Amino acid sequence: MPSQLNHYSETNLFNSTANEITYLSFNNGQLDCCLLNDSTKQSDLDKCFQILPGCKQLYTQELDVRCRICGDQASGFHYGVHSCEGCKGFFRRTLKKQLVYTPCKTGSQCRIDQITRNKCQYCRYQKCLNAGMSQDAVRFGRMPKAEREKLEADREEMHGSCGEKILELRALSDLIKAAFSDNFRGTCVYNHNTVRKRPSVTNPMEKQEIACFLGDMELLTSLDSGTFQQVFLAYQDMILPLLESSAKFVKKIPGFRSLPLTDQINLLKHGSFPVATLLMHTAVDQHGIQLFGRMRQFLVSRKLTNLCEEAQLLLTEHVALADKVNSFQLQLGEKALFCASILLQDVPGLHESHKIEQIQLDLLDALRLELKHNHPRQRLLFPKLLLLIPDLRQITENFGRHLQKGSFLSASKDSDVTPLLREIFDVGH
């Protein structure tokens, strides 16, 4: 039964099958019929509601659900997002008429709320997209219990804080998530978004099955200093796109580009490697770590990592951190906000540290709200996540020290360190 039909009068009758729902309504002696199935579009669903008396999503009023776009009272779950009638209609008209809006003259920085939502159509539409509105997102079935818990957590937050500030933080979350998706697509964040289940690597009888499963990936059976050189090159090939994506992503964080250039460089130099380290968690599972290089791809088992001194220095801390991150089961938007807050940390030598601190506080507030909404039963998740920051700093410090000492490369291979890593860690300076 659709979540939209949670509340109905006694004169309403339902006939539900696995793939469709028939709704019969008796009003003033008239029989109305509404058929909903998997192919029902949002526009048809809205027309259906015109004949369904009293079955609007009353939970939006009960739980004081706000429109994700403008902050007005939400009327339901439209196009994949809780939104008001005004923003729902605006998005529907945009799709139906295939409207293309003139880009915003203020750099897409317009404030969208109940008062200003009609002033800049471009920014309003971008905010709809950032919030996740889509013509394909029509939800059926009762509202899940977990979803109600999320909405109750939102209501608790709205009543305990300044509602206007909460809406601003939600808009910030949507913007950061969209920027993260745009700039990290094609990296291991997406290529390994779902950890694959592999056959056991401990049973020698399964080697043929493992080889078939891994395809072009090499399952290392031994690891020494010579073999490690190839592993380290693959590691650099994998982390380099994450470092480059971090540089693009940070420019989309509101307020970053208004900072002095020296502060921008300083923040990026200190924050890009911790972000890349965090995001490599997607390449780690119970068996080990997958390294995707341009020339060769390796699966380095946990046991093998501990048998090679260089591999232990490089990978052990990565794997330990990834285990923690994987246990949190973070959603994409949560990772995006956490990465943004890491990139805006206070570091030595900043000229506008107070401004940077305020940007980071907003990002952390937005992250806290996102975690509370998505994990209402895990109240300690936010502080647990913050405890990863010292771990990331330690991993970064250790990696830089080993890189400068040449611990990962033989004397004849110093040139194999990528220029970007050399610049970040002042190798050879």
Foldseek 3Di string as FASTA:
>chain_A
DFQLQPDADPQKDWDDDPFKIWIWHADPNDIDIDIDGLPDWLVSVVVVVVPGPPSWNCVLVVLVPAALQARHRFRDQAQNGGHHPVLNVLQVCCVVVVDDFDDDPVNLPDHHHPVCPPVGSNNSVVLCVLRPGHRNDDTGDHDDPLQVLLSNLVSVVVVVDPVVLLSVLSSLLSQLLVLLCVLCPPALLPVLVDPDDADDPPDPVCPVVRCVVVPQADEDPADELVNLLVVVQLQCQRLVSQLVSLLSSLVSQPPLVVFPPVQNVVLSLLQSQLLSLLSQLSQQDQFAGWGGHPVHIYGQGPVNCVVYPLSVLQPVLSRVSSVLVVVLVDDSSLSSLLSNLSSLDDDPPGDPNVSSVVSSVSSLVSNLSVCCSNPVPCNCSSVSSVVCSVSSNVSVVSVLVCLQVQVSHDPVCNVSPDPVSCVSSVRPD
